[in-house]
C-alpha atoms as a PDB file:
ATOM      1  CA  UNK A   1     -16.888 -11.413  20.106  1.00  0.00           C
ATOM      2  CA  UNK A   2     -16.787 -13.109  16.247  1.00  0.00           C
ATOM      3  CA  UNK A   3     -17.942 -16.894  16.360  1.00  0.00           C
ATOM      4  CA  UNK A   4     -15.457 -18.755  14.128  1.00  0.00           C
ATOM      5  CA  UNK A   5     -17.531 -19.944  11.251  1.00  0.00           C
ATOM      6  CA  UNK A   6     -16.526 -23.083  10.456  1.00  0.00           C
ATOM      7  CA  UNK A   7     -16.257 -24.714  14.476  1.00  0.00           C
ATOM      8  CA  UNK A   8     -19.851 -22.791  14.467  1.00  0.00           C
ATOM      9  CA  UNK A   9     -20.597 -25.386  11.123  1.00  0.00           C
ATOM     10  CA  UNK A  10     -19.268 -28.274  13.137  1.00  0.00           C
ATOM     11  CA  UNK A  11     -21.632 -27.829  16.030  1.00  0.00           C
ATOM     12  CA  UNK A  12     -24.884 -27.356  13.819  1.00  0.00           C
ATOM     13  CA  UNK A  13     -23.980 -30.693  12.105  1.00  0.00           C
ATOM     14  CA  UNK A  14     -23.632 -32.424  15.317  1.00  0.00           C
ATOM     15  CA  UNK A  15     -26.874 -31.494  15.911  1.00  0.00           C
ATOM     16  CA  UNK A  16     -29.393 -31.618  12.649  1.00  0.00           C
ATOM     17  CA  UNK A  17     -27.189 -36.073  12.693  1.00  0.00           C
ATOM     18  CA  UNK A  18     -28.857 -35.820  16.153  1.00  0.00           C
ATOM     19  CA  UNK A  19     -32.464 -34.817  15.227  1.00  0.00           C
ATOM     20  CA  UNK A  20     -32.733 -35.687  10.914  1.00  0.00           C
ATOM     21  CA  UNK A  21     -29.492 -38.094  10.079  1.00  0.00           C
ATOM     22  CA  UNK A  22     -32.670 -40.077   9.835  1.00  0.00           C
ATOM     23  CA  UNK A  23     -34.563 -38.004   8.345  1.00  0.00           C
ATOM     24  CA  UNK A  24     -38.148 -36.709   8.716  1.00  0.00           C
ATOM     25  CA  UNK A  25     -40.782 -38.805   8.275  1.00  0.00           C
ATOM     26  CA  UNK A  26     -43.845 -37.047   9.456  1.00  0.00           C
ATOM     27  CA  UNK A  27     -43.083 -33.738   6.338  1.00  0.00           C
ATOM     28  CA  UNK A  28     -42.208 -35.860   4.116  1.00  0.00           C
ATOM     29  CA  UNK A  29     -44.948 -38.136   4.677  1.00  0.00           C
ATOM     30  CA  UNK A  30     -48.009 -35.741   4.894  1.00  0.00           C
ATOM     31  CA  UNK A  31     -46.247 -32.171   2.490  1.00  0.00           C
ATOM     32  CA  UNK A  32     -45.493 -32.167  -0.485  1.00  0.00           C
ATOM     33  CA  UNK A  33     -42.255 -31.626  -1.243  1.00  0.00           C
ATOM     34  CA  UNK A  34     -43.086 -27.890  -3.174  1.00  0.00           C
ATOM     35  CA  UNK A  35     -44.692 -26.324  -0.985  1.00  0.00           C
ATOM     36  CA  UNK A  36     -43.785 -23.139  -0.422  1.00  0.00           C
ATOM     37  CA  UNK A  37     -44.375 -20.523   2.051  1.00  0.00           C
ATOM     38  CA  UNK A  38     -43.182 -18.563   4.815  1.00  0.00           C
ATOM     39  CA  UNK A  39     -42.721 -18.593   8.858  1.00  0.00           C
ATOM     40  CA  UNK A  40     -41.565 -16.325  11.502  1.00  0.00           C
ATOM     41  CA  UNK A  41     -39.786 -16.610  14.594  1.00  0.00           C
ATOM     42  CA  UNK A  42     -41.506 -15.391  17.145  1.00  0.00           C
ATOM     43  CA  UNK A  43     -40.556 -14.025  20.926  1.00  0.00           C
ATOM     44  CA  UNK A  44     -42.789 -14.809  23.684  1.00  0.00           C
ATOM     45  CA  UNK A  45     -40.999 -13.986  26.404  1.00  0.00           C
ATOM     46  CA  UNK A  46     -38.646 -10.266  27.692  1.00  0.00           C
ATOM     47  CA  UNK A  47     -35.223 -10.283  27.430  1.00  0.00           C
ATOM     48  CA  UNK A  48     -31.456 -10.556  25.411  1.00  0.00           C
ATOM     49  CA  UNK A  49     -31.457 -12.467  22.027  1.00  0.00           C
ATOM     50  CA  UNK A  50     -28.456 -14.784  21.187  1.00  0.00           C
ATOM     51  CA  UNK A  51     -27.910 -16.846  18.660  1.00  0.00           C
ATOM     52  CA  UNK A  52     -29.746 -15.068  15.898  1.00  0.00           C
ATOM     53  CA  UNK A  53     -26.912 -16.269  13.538  1.00  0.00           C
ATOM     54  CA  UNK A  54     -26.367 -19.396  14.499  1.00  0.00           C
ATOM     55  CA  UNK A  55     -30.062 -20.336  13.747  1.00  0.00           C
ATOM     56  CA  UNK A  56     -29.900 -19.171  10.042  1.00  0.00           C
ATOM     57  CA  UNK A  57     -26.931 -20.897   9.333  1.00  0.00           C
ATOM     58  CA  UNK A  58     -28.999 -24.467  10.694  1.00  0.00           C
ATOM     59  CA  UNK A  59     -31.714 -23.030   8.118  1.00  0.00           C
ATOM     60  CA  UNK A  60     -28.929 -22.452   4.952  1.00  0.00           C
ATOM     61  CA  UNK A  61     -27.396 -25.651   6.440  1.00  0.00           C
ATOM     62  CA  UNK A  62     -30.602 -28.203   5.658  1.00  0.00           C
ATOM     63  CA  UNK A  63     -31.187 -26.295   2.628  1.00  0.00           C
ATOM     64  CA  UNK A  64     -29.817 -23.781   0.854  1.00  0.00           C
ATOM     65  CA  UNK A  65     -32.185 -22.090  -1.307  1.00  0.00           C
ATOM     66  CA  UNK A  66     -34.196 -20.944   1.777  1.00  0.00           C
ATOM     67  CA  UNK A  67     -34.349 -17.763   2.677  1.00  0.00           C
ATOM     68  CA  UNK A  68     -33.788 -16.320   5.896  1.00  0.00           C
ATOM     69  CA  UNK A  69     -34.151 -12.282   7.237  1.00  0.00           C
ATOM     70  CA  UNK A  70     -33.070 -11.727  10.564  1.00  0.00           C
ATOM     71  CA  UNK A  71     -34.733  -8.773  11.891  1.00  0.00           C
ATOM     72  CA  UNK A  72     -33.078  -8.483  15.808  1.00  0.00           C
ATOM     73  CA  UNK A  73     -29.310  -8.118  16.600  1.00  0.00           C
ATOM     74  CA  UNK A  74     -27.875 -10.846  19.178  1.00  0.00           C
ATOM     75  CA  UNK A  75     -27.611  -8.584  22.122  1.00  0.00           C
ATOM     76  CA  UNK A  76     -30.506  -6.769  21.498  1.00  0.00           C
ATOM     77  CA  UNK A  77     -33.606  -6.418  24.122  1.00  0.00           C
ATOM     78  CA  UNK A  78     -37.219  -8.184  22.624  1.00  0.00           C
ATOM     79  CA  UNK A  79     -40.372  -8.593  24.556  1.00  0.00           C
ATOM     80  CA  UNK A  80     -43.137 -10.619  23.601  1.00  0.00           C
ATOM     81  CA  UNK A  81     -44.280 -10.697  20.691  1.00  0.00           C
ATOM     82  CA  UNK A  82     -41.510  -9.871  18.512  1.00  0.00           C
ATOM     83  CA  UNK A  83     -40.477 -10.696  15.555  1.00  0.00           C
ATOM     84  CA  UNK A  84     -37.244 -12.357  15.607  1.00  0.00           C
ATOM     85  CA  UNK A  85     -36.520 -13.250  11.963  1.00  0.00           C
ATOM     86  CA  UNK A  86     -38.590 -13.878   8.947  1.00  0.00           C
ATOM     87  CA  UNK A  87     -37.467 -17.534   6.527  1.00  0.00           C
ATOM     88  CA  UNK A  88     -39.128 -18.491   3.364  1.00  0.00           C
ATOM     89  CA  UNK A  89     -38.978 -21.369   0.864  1.00  0.00           C
ATOM     90  CA  UNK A  90     -39.729 -24.526   0.449  1.00  0.00           C
ATOM     91  CA  UNK A  91     -42.363 -25.724   3.972  1.00  0.00           C
ATOM     92  CA  UNK A  92     -40.392 -28.950   4.706  1.00  0.00           C
ATOM     93  CA  UNK A  93     -37.104 -27.690   4.612  1.00  0.00           C
ATOM     94  CA  UNK A  94     -38.520 -25.120   7.482  1.00  0.00           C
ATOM     95  CA  UNK A  95     -39.343 -28.045   9.255  1.00  0.00           C
ATOM     96  CA  UNK A  96     -36.506 -29.903   8.937  1.00  0.00           C
ATOM     97  CA  UNK A  97     -34.508 -27.202  10.684  1.00  0.00           C
ATOM     98  CA  UNK A  98     -37.099 -25.859  13.108  1.00  0.00           C
ATOM     99  CA  UNK A  99     -36.336 -27.666  15.946  1.00  0.00           C
ATOM    100  CA  UNK A 100     -31.969 -27.465  16.269  1.00  0.00           C
ATOM    101  CA  UNK A 101     -32.167 -23.264  15.266  1.00  0.00           C
ATOM    102  CA  UNK A 102     -35.116 -22.860  18.016  1.00  0.00           C
ATOM    103  CA  UNK A 103     -33.055 -24.950  20.461  1.00  0.00           C
ATOM    104  CA  UNK A 104     -30.072 -22.544  20.038  1.00  0.00           C
ATOM    105  CA  UNK A 105     -32.059 -19.615  20.303  1.00  0.00           C
ATOM    106  CA  UNK A 106     -33.716 -20.430  23.502  1.00  0.00           C
ATOM    107  CA  UNK A 107     -30.805 -22.108  24.760  1.00  0.00           C
ATOM    108  CA  UNK A 108     -28.135 -19.217  24.261  1.00  0.00           C
ATOM    109  CA  UNK A 109     -30.608 -16.630  24.399  1.00  0.00           C
ATOM    110  CA  UNK A 110     -31.481 -17.717  28.261  1.00  0.00           C
ATOM    111  CA  UNK A 111     -28.276 -17.415  28.592  1.00  0.00           C
ATOM    112  CA  UNK A 112     -27.577 -13.841  27.600  1.00  0.00           C
ATOM    113  CA  UNK A 113     -31.158 -12.552  29.780  1.00  0.00           C
ATOM    114  CA  UNK A 114     -29.495 -14.572  32.771  1.00  0.00           C
ATOM    115  CA  UNK A 115     -26.241 -12.548  32.666  1.00  0.00           C
ATOM    116  CA  UNK A 116     -28.053  -9.538  31.618  1.00  0.00           C
ATOM    117  CA  UNK A 117     -29.785  -9.623  35.497  1.00  0.00           C
ATOM    118  CA  UNK A 118     -26.565 -10.389  36.673  1.00  0.00           C
ATOM    119  CA  UNK A 119     -24.959  -7.430  35.281  1.00  0.00           C
ATOM    120  CA  UNK A 120     -27.734  -4.818  36.102  1.00  0.00           C
ATOM    121  CA  UNK A 121     -27.334  -5.796  39.659  1.00  0.00           C
ATOM    122  CA  UNK A 122     -23.675  -4.641  39.527  1.00  0.00           C
ATOM    123  CA  UNK A 123     -23.812  -1.754  37.405  1.00  0.00           C
ATOM    124  CA  UNK A 124     -21.706   1.406  39.310  1.00  0.00           C
ATOM    125  CA  UNK A 125     -19.506  -1.298  40.711  1.00  0.00           C
ATOM    126  CA  UNK A 126     -15.369  -1.891  38.376  1.00  0.00           C
ATOM    127  CA  UNK A 127     -16.086  -5.958  38.822  1.00  0.00           C
ATOM    128  CA  UNK A 128     -16.891  -8.116  35.742  1.00  0.00           C
ATOM    129  CA  UNK A 129     -19.640 -11.149  35.359  1.00  0.00           C
ATOM    130  CA  UNK A 130     -17.538 -13.977  34.286  1.00  0.00           C
ATOM    131  CA  UNK A 131     -18.825 -17.334  33.174  1.00  0.00           C
ATOM    132  CA  UNK A 132     -17.193 -20.950  34.306  1.00  0.00           C
ATOM    133  CA  UNK A 133     -16.338 -24.157  31.943  1.00  0.00           C
ATOM    134  CA  UNK A 134     -19.767 -25.422  34.044  1.00  0.00           C
ATOM    135  CA  UNK A 135     -21.095 -25.705  30.106  1.00  0.00           C
ATOM    136  CA  UNK A 136     -22.855 -27.933  27.902  1.00  0.00           C
ATOM    137  CA  UNK A 137     -20.782 -29.989  26.350  1.00  0.00           C
ATOM    138  CA  UNK A 138     -19.921 -29.280  22.568  1.00  0.00           C
ATOM    139  CA  UNK A 139     -20.788 -26.506  22.714  1.00  0.00           C
ATOM    140  CA  UNK A 140     -18.710 -24.484  25.048  1.00  0.00           C
ATOM    141  CA  UNK A 141     -17.963 -21.492  22.097  1.00  0.00           C
ATOM    142  CA  UNK A 142     -21.684 -20.376  21.885  1.00  0.00           C
ATOM    143  CA  UNK A 143     -22.755 -20.365  25.261  1.00  0.00           C
ATOM    144  CA  UNK A 144     -20.030 -18.541  26.050  1.00  0.00           C
ATOM    145  CA  UNK A 145     -20.269 -16.488  23.309  1.00  0.00           C
ATOM    146  CA  UNK A 146     -24.222 -15.482  25.177  1.00  0.00           C
ATOM    147  CA  UNK A 147     -22.607 -14.378  28.198  1.00  0.00           C
ATOM    148  CA  UNK A 148     -20.469 -11.636  26.040  1.00  0.00           C
ATOM    149  CA  UNK A 149     -23.782 -11.270  23.854  1.00  0.00           C
ATOM    150  CA  UNK A 150     -25.602 -10.540  27.953  1.00  0.00           C
ATOM    151  CA  UNK A 151     -22.963  -7.366  29.019  1.00  0.00           C
ATOM    152  CA  UNK A 152     -21.184 -10.720  30.760  1.00  0.00           C
ATOM    153  CA  UNK A 153     -17.035 -11.750  30.161  1.00  0.00           C
ATOM    154  CA  UNK A 154     -15.767 -15.337  29.524  1.00  0.00           C
ATOM    155  CA  UNK A 155     -13.357 -16.690  32.653  1.00  0.00           C
ATOM    156  CA  UNK A 156     -11.110 -19.610  30.575  1.00  0.00           C
ATOM    157  CA  UNK A 157     -12.839 -21.176  26.941  1.00  0.00           C
ATOM    158  CA  UNK A 158      -9.973 -24.144  27.699  1.00  0.00           C
ATOM    159  CA  UNK A 159      -7.705 -25.562  29.940  1.00  0.00           C
ATOM    160  CA  UNK A 160      -4.983 -24.065  28.393  1.00  0.00           C
ATOM    161  CA  UNK A 161      -5.884 -21.009  28.794  1.00  0.00           C
ATOM    162  CA  UNK A 162      -4.596 -20.008  31.929  1.00  0.00           C
ATOM    163  CA  UNK A 163      -3.425 -21.811  35.519  1.00  0.00           C
ATOM    164  CA  UNK A 164      -5.760 -22.037  37.975  1.00  0.00           C
ATOM    165  CA  UNK A 165      -4.575 -24.117  41.570  1.00  0.00           C
ATOM    166  CA  UNK A 166      -7.776 -25.348  42.433  1.00  0.00           C
ATOM    167  CA  UNK A 167      -8.946 -27.180  45.255  1.00  0.00           C
ATOM    168  CA  UNK A 168      -7.705 -30.827  44.360  1.00  0.00           C
ATOM    169  CA  UNK A 169      -4.626 -28.977  42.770  1.00  0.00           C
ATOM    170  CA  UNK A 170      -4.305 -28.165  46.559  1.00  0.00           C
ATOM    171  CA  UNK A 171      -4.661 -30.784  47.948  1.00  0.00           C
ATOM    172  CA  UNK A 172      -2.473 -33.640  45.743  1.00  0.00           C
ATOM    173  CA  UNK A 173       0.489 -30.739  45.933  1.00  0.00           C
ATOM    174  CA  UNK A 174      -0.148 -30.892  49.725  1.00  0.00           C
ATOM    175  CA  UNK A 175       0.376 -34.003  50.373  1.00  0.00           C
ATOM    176  CA  UNK A 176       4.094 -33.672  48.709  1.00  0.00           C
ATOM    177  CA  UNK A 177       4.424 -31.728  50.885  1.00  0.00           C
ATOM    178  CA  UNK A 178       4.044 -28.173  49.251  1.00  0.00           C
ATOM    179  CA  UNK A 179       2.881 -25.405  50.561  1.00  0.00           C
ATOM    180  CA  UNK A 180       0.480 -22.955  48.734  1.00  0.00           C
ATOM    181  CA  UNK A 181       3.269 -20.549  48.460  1.00  0.00           C
ATOM    182  CA  UNK A 182       5.618 -23.016  47.259  1.00  0.00           C
ATOM    183  CA  UNK A 183       2.993 -24.299  44.907  1.00  0.00           C
ATOM    184  CA  UNK A 184       2.337 -20.389  43.092  1.00  0.00           C
ATOM    185  CA  UNK A 185       5.775 -20.252  43.324  1.00  0.00           C
ATOM    186  CA  UNK A 186       6.204 -23.561  41.038  1.00  0.00           C
ATOM    187  CA  UNK A 187       3.327 -22.018  39.293  1.00  0.00           C
ATOM    188  CA  UNK A 188       5.000 -19.326  38.541  1.00  0.00           C
ATOM    189  CA  UNK A 189       8.178 -20.421  37.523  1.00  0.00           C
ATOM    190  CA  UNK A 190       6.381 -23.077  34.992  1.00  0.00           C
ATOM    191  CA  UNK A 191       3.665 -21.876  33.620  1.00  0.00           C
ATOM    192  CA  UNK A 192       4.011 -20.504  29.484  1.00  0.00           C
ATOM    193  CA  UNK A 193       4.804 -16.812  29.332  1.00  0.00           C
ATOM    194  CA  UNK A 194       1.951 -14.862  29.636  1.00  0.00           C
ATOM    195  CA  UNK A 195      -0.427 -17.114  31.230  1.00  0.00           C
ATOM    196  CA  UNK A 196      -1.969 -15.859  34.221  1.00  0.00           C
ATOM    197  CA  UNK A 197      -1.785 -17.524  37.512  1.00  0.00           C
ATOM    198  CA  UNK A 198      -5.097 -17.892  40.057  1.00  0.00           C
ATOM    199  CA  UNK A 199      -4.944 -19.417  42.833  1.00  0.00           C
ATOM    200  CA  UNK A 200      -8.373 -20.624  44.732  1.00  0.00           C
ATOM    201  CA  UNK A 201      -8.313 -19.478  49.230  1.00  0.00           C
ATOM    202  CA  UNK A 202     -10.967 -20.276  51.342  1.00  0.00           C
ATOM    203  CA  UNK A 203      -9.270 -17.742  54.394  1.00  0.00           C
ATOM    204  CA  UNK A 204      -7.719 -14.604  54.319  1.00  0.00           C
ATOM    205  CA  UNK A 205      -4.270 -15.743  55.462  1.00  0.00           C
ATOM    206  CA  UNK A 206      -4.370 -18.263  52.453  1.00  0.00           C
ATOM    207  CA  UNK A 207      -5.071 -14.687  50.459  1.00  0.00           C
ATOM    208  CA  UNK A 208      -1.596 -12.771  52.164  1.00  0.00           C
ATOM    209  CA  UNK A 209       0.132 -15.944  51.342  1.00  0.00           C
ATOM    210  CA  UNK A 210      -0.700 -16.075  47.505  1.00  0.00           C
ATOM    211  CA  UNK A 211      -0.277 -13.022  47.165  1.00  0.00           C
ATOM    212  CA  UNK A 212       3.586 -12.711  49.017  1.00  0.00           C
ATOM    213  CA  UNK A 213       3.903 -16.075  46.630  1.00  0.00           C
ATOM    214  CA  UNK A 214       3.549 -13.493  43.613  1.00  0.00           C
ATOM    215  CA  UNK A 215      -0.158 -15.271  42.440  1.00  0.00           C
ATOM    216  CA  UNK A 216      -1.855 -12.650  39.544  1.00  0.00           C
ATOM    217  CA  UNK A 217      -5.505 -13.678  40.614  1.00  0.00           C
ATOM    218  CA  UNK A 218      -7.210 -15.124  43.876  1.00  0.00           C
ATOM    219  CA  UNK A 219      -9.796 -16.657  43.877  1.00  0.00           C
ATOM    220  CA  UNK A 220     -11.760 -16.101  47.038  1.00  0.00           C
ATOM    221  CA  UNK A 221     -14.442 -19.596  47.818  1.00  0.00           C
ATOM    222  CA  UNK A 222     -17.242 -19.236  48.977  1.00  0.00           C
ATOM    223  CA  UNK A 223     -16.731 -15.904  51.270  1.00  0.00           C
ATOM    224  CA  UNK A 224     -18.698 -13.779  52.415  1.00  0.00           C
ATOM    225  CA  UNK A 225     -18.992 -10.074  51.135  1.00  0.00           C
ATOM    226  CA  UNK A 226     -16.880  -8.937  54.998  1.00  0.00           C
ATOM    227  CA  UNK A 227     -14.382 -11.482  54.232  1.00  0.00           C
ATOM    228  CA  UNK A 228     -13.539 -10.598  50.705  1.00  0.00           C
ATOM    229  CA  UNK A 229     -13.713  -6.821  51.800  1.00  0.00           C
ATOM    230  CA  UNK A 230     -11.226  -7.877  54.302  1.00  0.00           C
ATOM    231  CA  UNK A 231      -8.547  -9.826  51.928  1.00  0.00           C
ATOM    232  CA  UNK A 232      -9.321  -6.659  49.776  1.00  0.00           C
ATOM    233  CA  UNK A 233      -8.333  -4.243  52.123  1.00  0.00           C
ATOM    234  CA  UNK A 234      -5.334  -6.223  51.988  1.00  0.00           C
ATOM    235  CA  UNK A 235      -3.409  -7.032  49.096  1.00  0.00           C
ATOM    236  CA  UNK A 236      -1.572  -4.459  47.191  1.00  0.00           C
ATOM    237  CA  UNK A 237      -3.701  -3.193  43.924  1.00  0.00           C
ATOM    238  CA  UNK A 238      -1.665  -5.780  41.152  1.00  0.00           C
ATOM    239  CA  UNK A 239      -3.540  -8.452  42.404  1.00  0.00           C
ATOM    240  CA  UNK A 240      -6.684  -9.015  41.639  1.00  0.00           C
ATOM    241  CA  UNK A 241      -9.391 -10.547  42.923  1.00  0.00           C
ATOM    242  CA  UNK A 242     -12.589 -12.833  42.290  1.00  0.00           C
ATOM    243  CA  UNK A 243     -15.534 -13.990  43.814  1.00  0.00           C
ATOM    244  CA  UNK A 244     -16.393 -17.393  43.422  1.00  0.00           C
ATOM    245  CA  UNK A 245     -18.715 -19.864  44.676  1.00  0.00           C
ATOM    246  CA  UNK A 246     -22.677 -19.942  46.020  1.00  0.00           C
ATOM    247  CA  UNK A 247     -23.098 -16.381  43.862  1.00  0.00           C
ATOM    248  CA  UNK A 248     -27.077 -15.907  43.512  1.00  0.00           C
ATOM    249  CA  UNK A 249     -29.125 -12.653  42.342  1.00  0.00           C
ATOM    250  CA  UNK A 250     -30.170 -12.403  45.695  1.00  0.00           C
ATOM    251  CA  UNK A 251     -26.126 -11.746  46.813  1.00  0.00           C
ATOM    252  CA  UNK A 252     -23.623 -10.002  43.663  1.00  0.00           C
ATOM    253  CA  UNK A 253     -24.441  -6.934  44.456  1.00  0.00           C
ATOM    254  CA  UNK A 254     -22.948  -7.300  48.627  1.00  0.00           C
ATOM    255  CA  UNK A 255     -19.458  -8.985  46.390  1.00  0.00           C
ATOM    256  CA  UNK A 256     -19.712  -6.020  43.893  1.00  0.00           C
ATOM    257  CA  UNK A 257     -19.707  -4.169  47.132  1.00  0.00           C
ATOM    258  CA  UNK A 258     -16.725  -5.928  48.849  1.00  0.00           C
ATOM    259  CA  UNK A 259     -14.483  -4.427  46.088  1.00  0.00           C
ATOM    260  CA  UNK A 260     -13.344  -7.564  44.308  1.00  0.00           C
ATOM    261  CA  UNK A 261     -12.840  -7.017  40.527  1.00  0.00           C
ATOM    262  CA  UNK A 262     -14.441 -10.707  39.077  1.00  0.00           C
ATOM    263  CA  UNK A 263     -17.452 -12.038  39.814  1.00  0.00           C
ATOM    264  CA  UNK A 264     -17.480 -15.855  38.087  1.00  0.00           C
ATOM    265  CA  UNK A 265     -20.548 -16.915  38.138  1.00  0.00           C
ATOM    266  CA  UNK A 266     -21.283 -20.886  36.894  1.00  0.00           C
ATOM    267  CA  UNK A 267     -25.346 -20.293  37.086  1.00  0.00           C
ATOM    268  CA  UNK A 268     -24.568 -18.258  34.122  1.00  0.00           C
ATOM    269  CA  UNK A 269     -24.650 -21.241  31.247  1.00  0.00           C
ATOM    270  CA  UNK A 270     -25.735 -24.667  33.939  1.00  0.00           C
ATOM    271  CA  UNK A 271     -28.726 -23.074  34.643  1.00  0.00           C
ATOM    272  CA  UNK A 272     -30.111 -20.574  32.791  1.00  0.00           C
ATOM    273  CA  UNK A 273     -33.761 -20.400  31.604  1.00  0.00           C
ATOM    274  CA  UNK A 274     -34.360 -20.981  28.148  1.00  0.00           C
ATOM    275  CA  UNK A 275     -36.515 -17.997  26.839  1.00  0.00           C
ATOM    276  CA  UNK A 276     -39.289 -18.857  24.679  1.00  0.00           C
ATOM    277  CA  UNK A 277     -39.933 -18.571  21.356  1.00  0.00           C
ATOM    278  CA  UNK A 278     -42.179 -20.346  18.336  1.00  0.00           C
ATOM    279  CA  UNK A 279     -41.486 -20.835  14.858  1.00  0.00           C
ATOM    280  CA  UNK A 280     -45.251 -20.043  13.137  1.00  0.00           C
ATOM    281  CA  UNK A 281     -46.334 -20.336   9.785  1.00  0.00           C
ATOM    282  CA  UNK A 282     -48.246 -18.246   7.944  1.00  0.00           C
ATOM    283  CA  UNK A 283     -51.077 -20.433   6.251  1.00  0.00           C
ATOM    284  CA  UNK A 284     -52.005 -17.312   3.553  1.00  0.00           C
ATOM    285  CA  UNK A 285     -48.237 -17.702   2.022  1.00  0.00           C
ATOM    286  CA  UNK A 286     -48.748 -21.396   1.170  1.00  0.00           C
ATOM    287  CA  UNK A 287     -48.245 -22.048  -2.514  1.00  0.00           C
ATOM    288  CA  UNK A 288     -47.294 -25.127  -4.349  1.00  0.00           C
ATOM    289  CA  UNK A 289     -44.876 -25.253  -7.214  1.00  0.00           C
END
């Protein structure tokens, strides 16, 4: 998955404006502007790297004269003590970029690492682990990239990516007198060409009604594995199934065993723990020019 540079740069600009638009008064007050040195980004926990190129662009956005060497590629497993990158140049510039670069790296690597745990639990089953739109406002593009680096797949990037009829849509349309079959049929008729139509269901009968109406994907909301297995066994093969709601590392394998095609997990992005990293300046490299 290639990240569009312009979109990434816009995200970085926003993050830098938040952090250093008023300068770095500590570094500017205390550190000589001509001081040069080297720093390393140190990994302090097991996980999967994501966001290294984003961090690189942060450093170069702050100061194009900085030299950044990325030593570990995104998607790679890391251990405590691994050196992810080496940065050299003006110390004040390195310090200005430090927090924003680490914030991106730690957040995205945390998402990739958690995704990899879910993928590992379902290895051997014909199922895709996917994210949701439960992402941090403004950086969804990066967070969904991190899911891919962890071995997962992306669900909808935005509301225009596909028709997904969820509980609140159903409440509104049923209040207008429409049945589930009517709702699915209308969506199939009116959806832009090429887009899939998916509907959320809570019972086996709703799943059968949706399939009869020609839906492409059925989201099984908060069903237990036995209910999922029954639905999968009753549906025609061309109708895909997605397990969603309440999926954890403890029960994701049971959902996979039920035979669903997709397992969507909001926690991949909304509850991932940042992967611990730090930037360490190397005092022996400091020189005044």
